[in-house]
Amino acid sequence: MEENVFLFPKATATSHVILTPRTTSSLSSFTVSFRYYTDLTRSFCPFSFATSAKPNEICIIKDNAKEHRVYVGNDEVTFIGPGDTPGWTHLCFSWDSSTGVVTLWINGKPLPRKTMKKGYAVNPQPIIILGQDQDSYGGGFDAEQSFVGEITDVNMWDSVLSPSDVQLALANDKWVNGNVISWRSLGYDIKADVIIQPKLQPNIYWSGGEA
């Protein structure tokens, strides 16, 4: 998948991609990193990690031009960013159980940190989905929360990335590969109307601008 994207062409309650993680163990910390391109102005969910215990075990929802909601263990915090810029958005979301610190990076720039779920452990055996919000384990989709656009470079780690590694992820450095989800060796299952397409500008990466 290295030079490709998942294209979600229209709003549906069926189109999504199921990702196969390399490990299904409990997590005491994590980082999720990906980039997306959309012209949606309504709320949407690009990444959903559900377990049988909690549908919003890990989840990211973009509410409007400035707000992202992130979930850990069904609890949520909202980050207020600088607003949308034209082109691709790179998002990196990390959480650490020992401190409860949550960090959200937008195009390589961290927003003010927050805390949640200190001492918690993310439940095992997840279903990880791109393009839909899981209101139940592997389902409960709503077209009004579906993602429309392109997603690429999805990686997930069982640790918190350092600031320098976040910048490498932003640049799509070939040495930065997730150990839970790795875009360069991705296991996936496409459902309904999702299309694999080549990146239109595969070798151009940026800091806060267009790719």
C-alpha atoms as a PDB file:
ATOM      1  CA  MET A   1       0.000   0.000   0.000  1.00  0.00           C
ATOM      2  CA  GLU A   2       3.013   2.318   0.207  1.00  0.00           C
ATOM      3  CA  GLU A   3       2.176   4.377  -2.906  1.00  0.00           C
ATOM      4  CA  ASN A   4      -1.605   4.030  -2.619  1.00  0.00           C
ATOM      5  CA  VAL A   5      -4.625   5.481  -0.871  1.00  0.00           C
ATOM      6  CA  PHE A   6      -8.040   4.212   0.135  1.00  0.00           C
ATOM      7  CA  LEU A   7     -10.627   6.309  -1.704  1.00  0.00           C
ATOM      8  CA  PHE A   8     -14.064   6.594  -0.070  1.00  0.00           C
ATOM      9  CA  PRO A   9     -16.111   8.161  -2.888  1.00  0.00           C
ATOM     10  CA  LYS A  10     -19.467   8.782  -1.194  1.00  0.00           C
ATOM     11  CA  ALA A  11     -21.308   8.764   2.107  1.00  0.00           C
ATOM     12  CA  THR A  12     -22.706   5.344   2.994  1.00  0.00           C
ATOM     13  CA  ALA A  13     -23.475   3.211   6.032  1.00  0.00           C
ATOM     14  CA  THR A  14     -21.601   0.275   4.506  1.00  0.00           C
ATOM     15  CA  SER A  15     -18.279   1.354   2.955  1.00  0.00           C
ATOM     16  CA  HIS A  16     -15.277   0.769   5.220  1.00  0.00           C
ATOM     17  CA  VAL A  17     -11.917  -0.960   5.507  1.00  0.00           C
ATOM     18  CA  ILE A  18     -11.127  -3.467   8.253  1.00  0.00           C
ATOM     19  CA  LEU A  19      -7.463  -3.439   9.263  1.00  0.00           C
ATOM     20  CA  THR A  20      -5.722  -6.526  10.632  1.00  0.00           C
ATOM     21  CA  PRO A  21      -3.462  -5.644  13.579  1.00  0.00           C
ATOM     22  CA  ARG A  22      -0.151  -7.398  14.155  1.00  0.00           C
ATOM     23  CA  THR A  23      -1.043  -7.771  17.818  1.00  0.00           C
ATOM     24  CA  THR A  24      -4.416  -7.981  19.541  1.00  0.00           C
ATOM     25  CA  SER A  25      -3.076  -7.593  23.084  1.00  0.00           C
ATOM     26  CA  SER A  26      -4.097  -4.998  25.641  1.00  0.00           C
ATOM     27  CA  LEU A  27      -2.347  -1.618  25.308  1.00  0.00           C
ATOM     28  CA  SER A  28      -1.022   0.680  28.028  1.00  0.00           C
ATOM     29  CA  SER A  29       0.021   3.308  25.482  1.00  0.00           C
ATOM     30  CA  PHE A  30      -0.327   3.904  21.764  1.00  0.00           C
ATOM     31  CA  THR A  31       0.158   6.275  18.858  1.00  0.00           C
ATOM     32  CA  VAL A  32      -2.074   6.391  15.772  1.00  0.00           C
ATOM     33  CA  SER A  33      -0.829   8.245  12.698  1.00  0.00           C
ATOM     34  CA  PHE A  34      -2.433   8.778   9.285  1.00  0.00           C
ATOM     35  CA  ARG A  35      -3.212  11.400   6.686  1.00  0.00           C
ATOM     36  CA  TYR A  36      -6.535  12.227   5.106  1.00  0.00           C
ATOM     37  CA  TYR A  37      -7.932  14.458   2.367  1.00  0.00           C
ATOM     38  CA  THR A  38     -11.583  15.512   2.318  1.00  0.00           C
ATOM     39  CA  ASP A  39     -13.917  18.384   1.549  1.00  0.00           C
ATOM     40  CA  LEU A  40     -16.469  17.343   4.172  1.00  0.00           C
ATOM     41  CA  THR A  41     -17.756  20.075   6.467  1.00  0.00           C
ATOM     42  CA  ARG A  42     -19.928  17.798   8.631  1.00  0.00           C
ATOM     43  CA  SER A  43     -18.703  15.480  11.393  1.00  0.00           C
ATOM     44  CA  PHE A  44     -16.888  12.325  10.258  1.00  0.00           C
ATOM     45  CA  CYS A  45     -14.908   9.406  11.672  1.00  0.00           C
ATOM     46  CA  PRO A  46     -11.772   8.301   9.800  1.00  0.00           C
ATOM     47  CA  PHE A  47     -10.445   5.837  12.428  1.00  0.00           C
ATOM     48  CA  SER A  48     -12.344   3.571  14.836  1.00  0.00           C
ATOM     49  CA  PHE A  49     -10.847   0.926  17.166  1.00  0.00           C
ATOM     50  CA  ALA A  50     -13.591  -1.009  18.965  1.00  0.00           C
ATOM     51  CA  THR A  51     -13.548  -3.914  21.385  1.00  0.00           C
ATOM     52  CA  SER A  52     -16.344  -6.119  22.631  1.00  0.00           C
ATOM     53  CA  ALA A  53     -16.232  -4.163  25.908  1.00  0.00           C
ATOM     54  CA  LYS A  54     -16.262  -0.644  24.431  1.00  0.00           C
ATOM     55  CA  PRO A  55     -17.143   0.533  20.905  1.00  0.00           C
ATOM     56  CA  ASN A  56     -15.123   3.738  21.320  1.00  0.00           C
ATOM     57  CA  GLU A  57     -12.029   2.083  22.760  1.00  0.00           C
ATOM     58  CA  ILE A  58      -9.924   4.328  20.509  1.00  0.00           C
ATOM     59  CA  CYS A  59     -11.668   6.681  18.105  1.00  0.00           C
ATOM     60  CA  ILE A  60     -11.069   9.939  16.255  1.00  0.00           C
ATOM     61  CA  ILE A  61     -13.931  12.171  15.112  1.00  0.00           C
ATOM     62  CA  LYS A  62     -13.530  15.444  13.243  1.00  0.00           C
ATOM     63  CA  ASP A  63     -16.491  17.627  14.246  1.00  0.00           C
ATOM     64  CA  ASN A  64     -15.801  20.812  12.293  1.00  0.00           C
ATOM     65  CA  ALA A  65     -12.960  22.886  10.871  1.00  0.00           C
ATOM     66  CA  LYS A  66     -11.283  23.351  14.270  1.00  0.00           C
ATOM     67  CA  GLU A  67     -12.441  20.507  16.536  1.00  0.00           C
ATOM     68  CA  HIS A  68     -11.288  16.898  16.860  1.00  0.00           C
ATOM     69  CA  ARG A  69     -12.776  14.561  19.447  1.00  0.00           C
ATOM     70  CA  VAL A  70     -10.578  11.668  20.526  1.00  0.00           C
ATOM     71  CA  TYR A  71     -11.654   8.692  22.609  1.00  0.00           C
ATOM     72  CA  VAL A  72      -9.894   6.257  24.901  1.00  0.00           C
ATOM     73  CA  GLY A  73     -11.963   3.626  26.691  1.00  0.00           C
ATOM     74  CA  ASN A  74     -15.251   5.363  25.688  1.00  0.00           C
ATOM     75  CA  ASP A  75     -14.177   8.634  27.365  1.00  0.00           C
ATOM     76  CA  GLU A  76     -13.512  11.665  25.197  1.00  0.00           C
ATOM     77  CA  VAL A  77     -11.608  14.925  25.083  1.00  0.00           C
ATOM     78  CA  THR A  78     -11.883  17.664  22.463  1.00  0.00           C
ATOM     79  CA  PHE A  79      -8.947  19.431  20.859  1.00  0.00           C
ATOM     80  CA  ILE A  80      -9.317  22.861  19.283  1.00  0.00           C
ATOM     81  CA  GLY A  81      -6.951  23.365  16.375  1.00  0.00           C
ATOM     82  CA  PRO A  82      -6.083  26.273  14.100  1.00  0.00           C
ATOM     83  CA  GLY A  83      -8.653  25.360  11.447  1.00  0.00           C
ATOM     84  CA  ASP A  84      -8.518  23.579   8.135  1.00  0.00           C
ATOM     85  CA  THR A  85      -5.933  24.352   5.480  1.00  0.00           C
ATOM     86  CA  PRO A  86      -6.183  23.276   1.822  1.00  0.00           C
ATOM     87  CA  GLY A  87      -4.769  19.862   0.985  1.00  0.00           C
ATOM     88  CA  TRP A  88      -3.908  16.820   3.042  1.00  0.00           C
ATOM     89  CA  THR A  89      -4.030  16.704   6.837  1.00  0.00           C
ATOM     90  CA  HIS A  90      -1.586  14.582   8.814  1.00  0.00           C
ATOM     91  CA  LEU A  91      -2.936  13.544  12.219  1.00  0.00           C
ATOM     92  CA  CYS A  92      -1.003  11.862  15.026  1.00  0.00           C
ATOM     93  CA  PHE A  93      -2.770  10.905  18.279  1.00  0.00           C
ATOM     94  CA  SER A  94      -1.009   9.387  21.308  1.00  0.00           C
ATOM     95  CA  TRP A  95      -1.968   8.358  24.827  1.00  0.00           C
ATOM     96  CA  ASP A  96       0.002   7.033  27.812  1.00  0.00           C
ATOM     97  CA  SER A  97      -1.659   5.150  30.662  1.00  0.00           C
ATOM     98  CA  SER A  98       0.998   5.989  33.248  1.00  0.00           C
ATOM     99  CA  THR A  99       0.239   9.722  33.066  1.00  0.00           C
ATOM    100  CA  GLY A 100      -3.052   9.829  31.167  1.00  0.00           C
ATOM    101  CA  VAL A 101      -1.504  12.393  28.825  1.00  0.00           C
ATOM    102  CA  VAL A 102      -3.139  12.667  25.402  1.00  0.00           C
ATOM    103  CA  THR A 103      -1.372  14.488  22.575  1.00  0.00           C
ATOM    104  CA  LEU A 104      -2.804  15.423  19.196  1.00  0.00           C
ATOM    105  CA  TRP A 105      -0.490  16.606  16.436  1.00  0.00           C
ATOM    106  CA  ILE A 106      -1.952  18.277  13.318  1.00  0.00           C
ATOM    107  CA  ASN A 107       0.464  18.530  10.381  1.00  0.00           C
ATOM    108  CA  GLY A 108       3.403  18.058  12.730  1.00  0.00           C
ATOM    109  CA  LYS A 109       2.328  20.698  15.265  1.00  0.00           C
ATOM    110  CA  PRO A 110       1.153  19.635  18.749  1.00  0.00           C
ATOM    111  CA  LEU A 111      -2.015  21.082  20.248  1.00  0.00           C
ATOM    112  CA  PRO A 112      -2.191  21.789  24.000  1.00  0.00           C
ATOM    113  CA  ARG A 113      -2.046  18.439  25.778  1.00  0.00           C
ATOM    114  CA  LYS A 114      -4.881  16.964  27.811  1.00  0.00           C
ATOM    115  CA  THR A 115      -5.304  13.987  30.161  1.00  0.00           C
ATOM    116  CA  MET A 116      -7.731  11.096  30.392  1.00  0.00           C
ATOM    117  CA  LYS A 117      -7.979   7.488  31.628  1.00  0.00           C
ATOM    118  CA  LYS A 118      -4.831   7.452  33.764  1.00  0.00           C
ATOM    119  CA  GLY A 119      -4.082   3.862  34.792  1.00  0.00           C
ATOM    120  CA  TYR A 120      -6.411   2.412  32.160  1.00  0.00           C
ATOM    121  CA  ALA A 121      -5.537  -0.445  29.790  1.00  0.00           C
ATOM    122  CA  VAL A 122      -7.033  -0.571  26.291  1.00  0.00           C
ATOM    123  CA  ASN A 123      -8.960  -3.821  25.952  1.00  0.00           C
ATOM    124  CA  PRO A 124      -7.641  -6.614  23.692  1.00  0.00           C
ATOM    125  CA  GLN A 125      -9.081  -8.182  20.522  1.00  0.00           C
ATOM    126  CA  PRO A 126      -9.995  -5.010  18.629  1.00  0.00           C
ATOM    127  CA  ILE A 127     -11.807  -4.490  15.364  1.00  0.00           C
ATOM    128  CA  ILE A 128     -10.064  -1.590  13.619  1.00  0.00           C
ATOM    129  CA  ILE A 129     -12.001   0.229  10.910  1.00  0.00           C
ATOM    130  CA  LEU A 130     -11.296   3.116   8.558  1.00  0.00           C
ATOM    131  CA  GLY A 131     -14.153   5.271   7.315  1.00  0.00           C
ATOM    132  CA  GLN A 132     -16.932   4.512   9.814  1.00  0.00           C
ATOM    133  CA  ASP A 133     -17.715   5.085  13.493  1.00  0.00           C
ATOM    134  CA  GLN A 134     -18.429   1.809  15.293  1.00  0.00           C
ATOM    135  CA  ASP A 135     -21.416   2.202  17.605  1.00  0.00           C
ATOM    136  CA  SER A 136     -21.190  -1.533  18.236  1.00  0.00           C
ATOM    137  CA  TYR A 137     -18.370  -4.070  17.895  1.00  0.00           C
ATOM    138  CA  GLY A 138     -17.771  -4.155  14.135  1.00  0.00           C
ATOM    139  CA  GLY A 139     -20.986  -2.350  13.195  1.00  0.00           C
ATOM    140  CA  GLY A 140     -23.613   0.240  14.062  1.00  0.00           C
ATOM    141  CA  PHE A 141     -22.538   2.525  11.209  1.00  0.00           C
ATOM    142  CA  ASP A 142     -24.227   5.821  10.344  1.00  0.00           C
ATOM    143  CA  ALA A 143     -23.842   7.407   6.884  1.00  0.00           C
ATOM    144  CA  GLU A 144     -23.937  10.851   8.512  1.00  0.00           C
ATOM    145  CA  GLN A 145     -20.662  10.049  10.318  1.00  0.00           C
ATOM    146  CA  SER A 146     -19.000   8.240   7.421  1.00  0.00           C
ATOM    147  CA  PHE A 147     -15.767   9.472   5.879  1.00  0.00           C
ATOM    148  CA  VAL A 148     -15.683  10.683   2.271  1.00  0.00           C
ATOM    149  CA  GLY A 149     -12.289  11.336   0.720  1.00  0.00           C
ATOM    150  CA  GLU A 150      -8.865   9.688   0.799  1.00  0.00           C
ATOM    151  CA  ILE A 151      -6.873   8.044   3.601  1.00  0.00           C
ATOM    152  CA  THR A 152      -3.262   6.885   3.460  1.00  0.00           C
ATOM    153  CA  ASP A 153      -0.132   6.190   5.546  1.00  0.00           C
ATOM    154  CA  VAL A 154      -1.990   4.604   8.469  1.00  0.00           C
ATOM    155  CA  ASN A 155       0.322   3.383  11.225  1.00  0.00           C
ATOM    156  CA  MET A 156      -0.194   2.444  14.864  1.00  0.00           C
ATOM    157  CA  TRP A 157       2.329   1.739  17.625  1.00  0.00           C
ATOM    158  CA  ASP A 158       2.047   0.271  21.119  1.00  0.00           C
ATOM    159  CA  SER A 159       4.037   3.227  22.470  1.00  0.00           C
ATOM    160  CA  VAL A 160       4.063   7.021  22.449  1.00  0.00           C
ATOM    161  CA  LEU A 161       6.157   8.385  19.598  1.00  0.00           C
ATOM    162  CA  SER A 162       8.811  10.951  20.402  1.00  0.00           C
ATOM    163  CA  PRO A 163       8.458  14.411  18.831  1.00  0.00           C
ATOM    164  CA  SER A 164      11.251  13.572  16.394  1.00  0.00           C
ATOM    165  CA  ASP A 165       9.488  10.345  15.359  1.00  0.00           C
ATOM    166  CA  VAL A 166       6.255  12.264  14.813  1.00  0.00           C
ATOM    167  CA  GLN A 167       8.147  14.453  12.357  1.00  0.00           C
ATOM    168  CA  LEU A 168       9.450  11.334  10.609  1.00  0.00           C
ATOM    169  CA  ALA A 169       5.885  10.021  10.383  1.00  0.00           C
ATOM    170  CA  LEU A 170       4.805  13.369   8.935  1.00  0.00           C
ATOM    171  CA  ALA A 171       7.528  13.016   6.287  1.00  0.00           C
ATOM    172  CA  ASN A 172       6.518   9.377   5.690  1.00  0.00           C
ATOM    173  CA  ASP A 173      10.088   8.305   6.373  1.00  0.00           C
ATOM    174  CA  LYS A 174      10.619   4.715   5.252  1.00  0.00           C
ATOM    175  CA  TRP A 175      12.047   3.737   8.656  1.00  0.00           C
ATOM    176  CA  VAL A 176       8.895   4.725  10.527  1.00  0.00           C
ATOM    177  CA  ASN A 177       6.516   1.755  10.512  1.00  0.00           C
ATOM    178  CA  GLY A 178       3.877   0.899  13.083  1.00  0.00           C
ATOM    179  CA  ASN A 179       4.216  -2.316  15.061  1.00  0.00           C
ATOM    180  CA  VAL A 180       0.434  -2.690  15.555  1.00  0.00           C
ATOM    181  CA  ILE A 181      -0.606  -1.412  12.106  1.00  0.00           C
ATOM    182  CA  SER A 182       1.987  -0.848   9.372  1.00  0.00           C
ATOM    183  CA  TRP A 183       0.959   0.828   6.114  1.00  0.00           C
ATOM    184  CA  ARG A 184       3.886  -0.728   4.247  1.00  0.00           C
ATOM    185  CA  SER A 185       2.805  -4.267   5.152  1.00  0.00           C
ATOM    186  CA  LEU A 186      -0.908  -3.747   5.682  1.00  0.00           C
ATOM    187  CA  GLY A 187      -3.463  -6.481   6.254  1.00  0.00           C
ATOM    188  CA  TYR A 188      -6.915  -5.253   5.264  1.00  0.00           C
ATOM    189  CA  ASP A 189     -10.387  -6.210   4.036  1.00  0.00           C
ATOM    190  CA  ILE A 190     -12.363  -3.765   1.893  1.00  0.00           C
ATOM    191  CA  LYS A 191     -16.121  -3.646   2.356  1.00  0.00           C
ATOM    192  CA  ALA A 192     -18.572  -2.107  -0.154  1.00  0.00           C
ATOM    193  CA  ASP A 193     -17.565   0.958  -2.165  1.00  0.00           C
ATOM    194  CA  VAL A 194     -13.925   1.690  -1.258  1.00  0.00           C
ATOM    195  CA  ILE A 195     -11.320   1.872  -4.007  1.00  0.00           C
ATOM    196  CA  ILE A 196      -7.533   1.563  -3.897  1.00  0.00           C
ATOM    197  CA  GLN A 197      -5.926   4.312  -5.972  1.00  0.00           C
ATOM    198  CA  PRO A 198      -2.333   5.491  -6.498  1.00  0.00           C
ATOM    199  CA  LYS A 199      -1.187   8.596  -4.670  1.00  0.00           C
ATOM    200  CA  LEU A 200      -1.403  11.544  -7.050  1.00  0.00           C
ATOM    201  CA  GLN A 201       1.757  13.105  -5.570  1.00  0.00           C
ATOM    202  CA  PRO A 202       3.528  10.107  -4.011  1.00  0.00           C
ATOM    203  CA  ASN A 203       6.916  11.684  -3.306  1.00  0.00           C
ATOM    204  CA  ILE A 204       5.877  15.063  -1.924  1.00  0.00           C
ATOM    205  CA  TYR A 205       5.444  15.559   1.810  1.00  0.00           C
ATOM    206  CA  TRP A 206       5.057  18.734   3.724  1.00  0.00           C
ATOM    207  CA  SER A 207       4.933  20.543   7.033  1.00  0.00           C
ATOM    208  CA  GLY A 208       1.504  22.040   7.456  1.00  0.00           C
ATOM    209  CA  GLY A 209       0.815  22.398   3.752  1.00  0.00           C
ATOM    210  CA  GLU A 210      -0.219  20.438   0.721  1.00  0.00           C
ATOM    211  CA  ALA A 211       1.020  16.994  -0.321  1.00  0.00           C
END
